[in-house]
């Protein structure tokens, strides 16, 4: 159990960094959609 937990945390901290750019893109898309709805 401990090995699985350590491996998951290691994978999240190391290989999981791709999640931040994805979150950034999603936030930008949401902002664009909201602006379009408000401007119409």
PDB file of N, CA and C in Angstrom:
ATOM      1  N   UNK A   1       0.829  -1.206   0.000  1.00  0.00           N
ATOM      2  CA  UNK A   1       0.000   0.000   0.000  1.00  0.00           C
ATOM      3  C   UNK A   1       0.870   1.266   0.000  1.00  0.00           C
ATOM      4  N   UNK A   2       1.901   1.254   0.833  1.00  0.00           N
ATOM      5  CA  UNK A   2       2.772   2.427   0.920  1.00  0.00           C
ATOM      6  C   UNK A   2       3.473   2.670  -0.412  1.00  0.00           C
ATOM      7  N   UNK A   3       3.922   1.595  -1.064  1.00  0.00           N
ATOM      8  CA  UNK A   3       4.619   1.751  -2.341  1.00  0.00           C
ATOM      9  C   UNK A   3       3.683   2.333  -3.400  1.00  0.00           C
ATOM     10  N   UNK A   4       2.434   1.886  -3.398  1.00  0.00           N
ATOM     11  CA  UNK A   4       1.475   2.407  -4.368  1.00  0.00           C
ATOM     12  C   UNK A   4       1.217   3.888  -4.110  1.00  0.00           C
ATOM     13  N   UNK A   5       1.103   4.260  -2.853  1.00  0.00           N
ATOM     14  CA  UNK A   5       0.834   5.660  -2.504  1.00  0.00           C
ATOM     15  C   UNK A   5       2.006   6.532  -2.921  1.00  0.00           C
ATOM     16  N   UNK A   6       3.227   6.089  -2.603  1.00  0.00           N
ATOM     17  CA  UNK A   6       4.415   6.866  -2.961  1.00  0.00           C
ATOM     18  C   UNK A   6       4.528   6.992  -4.472  1.00  0.00           C
ATOM     19  N   UNK A   7       4.243   5.922  -5.193  1.00  0.00           N
ATOM     20  CA  UNK A   7       4.339   5.953  -6.652  1.00  0.00           C
ATOM     21  C   UNK A   7       3.317   6.900  -7.242  1.00  0.00           C
ATOM     22  N   UNK A   8       2.098   6.905  -6.670  1.00  0.00           N
ATOM     23  CA  UNK A   8       1.041   7.791  -7.171  1.00  0.00           C
ATOM     24  C   UNK A   8       1.417   9.244  -6.931  1.00  0.00           C
ATOM     25  N   UNK A   9       1.892   9.536  -5.735  1.00  0.00           N
ATOM     26  CA  UNK A   9       2.300  10.908  -5.409  1.00  0.00           C
ATOM     27  C   UNK A   9       3.472  11.331  -6.281  1.00  0.00           C
ATOM     28  N   UNK A  10       4.437  10.446  -6.502  1.00  0.00           N
ATOM     29  CA  UNK A  10       5.592  10.753  -7.346  1.00  0.00           C
ATOM     30  C   UNK A  10       5.147  11.023  -8.770  1.00  0.00           C
ATOM     31  N   UNK A  11       4.213  10.235  -9.284  1.00  0.00           N
ATOM     32  CA  UNK A  11       3.710  10.429 -10.637  1.00  0.00           C
ATOM     33  C   UNK A  11       2.924  11.724 -10.747  1.00  0.00           C
ATOM     34  N   UNK A  12       2.166  12.062  -9.697  1.00  0.00           N
ATOM     35  CA  UNK A  12       1.370  13.293  -9.705  1.00  0.00           C
ATOM     36  C   UNK A  12       2.283  14.518  -9.697  1.00  0.00           C
ATOM     37  N   UNK A  13       3.263  14.513  -8.805  1.00  0.00           N
ATOM     38  CA  UNK A  13       4.145  15.672  -8.660  1.00  0.00           C
ATOM     39  C   UNK A  13       5.061  15.816  -9.867  1.00  0.00           C
ATOM     40  N   UNK A  14       5.518  14.702 -10.426  1.00  0.00           N
ATOM     41  CA  UNK A  14       6.459  14.748 -11.550  1.00  0.00           C
ATOM     42  C   UNK A  14       5.737  14.821 -12.884  1.00  0.00           C
ATOM     43  N   UNK A  15       4.991  13.768 -13.226  1.00  0.00           N
ATOM     44  CA  UNK A  15       4.343  13.689 -14.530  1.00  0.00           C
ATOM     45  C   UNK A  15       2.999  14.391 -14.568  1.00  0.00           C
ATOM     46  N   UNK A  16       2.503  14.838 -13.421  1.00  0.00           N
ATOM     47  CA  UNK A  16       1.180  15.457 -13.364  1.00  0.00           C
ATOM     48  C   UNK A  16       1.200  16.945 -13.656  1.00  0.00           C
ATOM     49  N   UNK A  17       2.377  17.485 -13.970  1.00  0.00           N
ATOM     50  CA  UNK A  17       2.476  18.924 -14.195  1.00  0.00           C
ATOM     51  C   UNK A  17       1.735  19.358 -15.452  1.00  0.00           C
ATOM     52  N   UNK A  18       1.453  18.407 -16.356  1.00  0.00           N
ATOM     53  CA  UNK A  18       0.715  18.741 -17.586  1.00  0.00           C
ATOM     54  C   UNK A  18      -0.695  19.227 -17.258  1.00  0.00           C
ATOM     55  N   UNK A  19      -1.142  18.975 -16.027  1.00  0.00           N
ATOM     56  CA  UNK A  19      -2.526  19.328 -15.660  1.00  0.00           C
ATOM     57  C   UNK A  19      -2.697  20.844 -15.592  1.00  0.00           C
ATOM     58  N   UNK A  20      -1.627  21.577 -15.222  1.00  0.00           N
ATOM     59  CA  UNK A  20      -1.763  23.035 -15.068  1.00  0.00           C
ATOM     60  C   UNK A  20      -2.018  23.736 -16.391  1.00  0.00           C
ATOM     61  N   UNK A  21      -1.257  23.426 -17.465  1.00  0.00           N
ATOM     62  CA  UNK A  21      -1.590  24.023 -18.766  1.00  0.00           C
ATOM     63  C   UNK A  21      -3.011  23.701 -19.203  1.00  0.00           C
ATOM     64  N   UNK A  22      -3.466  22.462 -18.937  1.00  0.00           N
ATOM     65  CA  UNK A  22      -4.833  22.077 -19.312  1.00  0.00           C
ATOM     66  C   UNK A  22      -5.844  22.940 -18.565  1.00  0.00           C
ATOM     67  N   UNK A  23      -5.624  23.137 -17.254  1.00  0.00           N
ATOM     68  CA  UNK A  23      -6.525  23.976 -16.457  1.00  0.00           C
ATOM     69  C   UNK A  23      -6.523  25.402 -17.000  1.00  0.00           C
ATOM     70  N   UNK A  24      -5.328  25.899 -17.365  1.00  0.00           N
ATOM     71  CA  UNK A  24      -5.223  27.248 -17.909  1.00  0.00           C
ATOM     72  C   UNK A  24      -6.040  27.408 -19.181  1.00  0.00           C
ATOM     73  N   UNK A  25      -5.939  26.422 -20.069  1.00  0.00           N
ATOM     74  CA  UNK A  25      -6.693  26.479 -21.330  1.00  0.00           C
ATOM     75  C   UNK A  25      -8.194  26.447 -21.054  1.00  0.00           C
ATOM     76  N   UNK A  26      -8.608  25.598 -20.127  1.00  0.00           N
ATOM     77  CA  UNK A  26     -10.037  25.509 -19.805  1.00  0.00           C
ATOM     78  C   UNK A  26     -10.555  26.826 -19.256  1.00  0.00           C
ATOM     79  N   UNK A  27      -9.767  27.483 -18.398  1.00  0.00           N
ATOM     80  CA  UNK A  27     -10.180  28.770 -17.827  1.00  0.00           C
ATOM     81  C   UNK A  27     -10.336  29.803 -18.932  1.00  0.00           C
ATOM     82  N   UNK A  28      -9.392  29.838 -19.868  1.00  0.00           N
ATOM     83  CA  UNK A  28      -9.458  30.797 -20.971  1.00  0.00           C
ATOM     84  C   UNK A  28     -10.701  30.546 -21.817  1.00  0.00           C
ATOM     85  N   UNK A  29     -10.977  29.278 -22.121  1.00  0.00           N
ATOM     86  CA  UNK A  29     -12.154  28.938 -22.927  1.00  0.00           C
ATOM     87  C   UNK A  29     -13.428  29.370 -22.211  1.00  0.00           C
ATOM     88  N   UNK A  30     -13.504  29.106 -20.912  1.00  0.00           N
ATOM     89  CA  UNK A  30     -14.684  29.496 -20.147  1.00  0.00           C
ATOM     90  C   UNK A  30     -14.866  31.008 -20.157  1.00  0.00           C
ATOM     91  N   UNK A  31     -13.764  31.743 -20.014  1.00  0.00           N
ATOM     92  CA  UNK A  31     -13.851  33.205 -20.035  1.00  0.00           C
ATOM     93  C   UNK A  31     -14.362  33.693 -21.379  1.00  0.00           C
ATOM     94  N   UNK A  32     -13.866  33.116 -22.474  1.00  0.00           N
ATOM     95  CA  UNK A  32     -14.306  33.520 -23.812  1.00  0.00           C
ATOM     96  C   UNK A  32     -15.801  33.253 -23.982  1.00  0.00           C
ATOM     97  N   UNK A  33     -16.249  32.088 -23.535  1.00  0.00           N
ATOM     98  CA  UNK A  33     -17.669  31.746 -23.648  1.00  0.00           C
ATOM     99  C   UNK A  33     -18.525  32.721 -22.838  1.00  0.00           C
ATOM    100  N   UNK A  34     -18.082  33.030 -21.616  1.00  0.00           N
ATOM    101  CA  UNK A  34     -18.845  33.962 -20.777  1.00  0.00           C
ATOM    102  C   UNK A  34     -18.898  35.345 -21.419  1.00  0.00           C
ATOM    103  N   UNK A  35     -17.783  35.812 -21.952  1.00  0.00           N
ATOM    104  CA  UNK A  35     -17.746  37.133 -22.592  1.00  0.00           C
ATOM    105  C   UNK A  35     -18.687  37.160 -23.798  1.00  0.00           C
ATOM    106  N   UNK A  36     -18.680  36.087 -24.567  1.00  0.00           N
ATOM    107  CA  UNK A  36     -19.557  36.028 -25.744  1.00  0.00           C
ATOM    108  C   UNK A  36     -21.026  36.071 -25.327  1.00  0.00           C
ATOM    109  N   UNK A  37     -21.371  35.344 -24.252  1.00  0.00           N
ATOM    110  CA  UNK A  37     -22.758  35.335 -23.809  1.00  0.00           C
ATOM    111  C   UNK A  37     -23.170  36.707 -23.286  1.00  0.00           C
ATOM    112  N   UNK A  38     -22.262  37.381 -22.586  1.00  0.00           N
ATOM    113  CA  UNK A  38     -22.606  38.691 -22.006  1.00  0.00           C
ATOM    114  C   UNK A  38     -22.715  39.739 -23.115  1.00  0.00           C
ATOM    115  N   UNK A  39     -21.859  39.643 -24.120  1.00  0.00           N
ATOM    116  CA  UNK A  39     -21.817  40.669 -25.154  1.00  0.00           C
ATOM    117  C   UNK A  39     -23.012  40.569 -26.117  1.00  0.00           C
ATOM    118  N   UNK A  40     -23.661  39.411 -26.152  1.00  0.00           N
ATOM    119  CA  UNK A  40     -24.776  39.246 -27.087  1.00  0.00           C
ATOM    120  C   UNK A  40     -26.055  39.857 -26.520  1.00  0.00           C
TER     121      UNK A  40
END
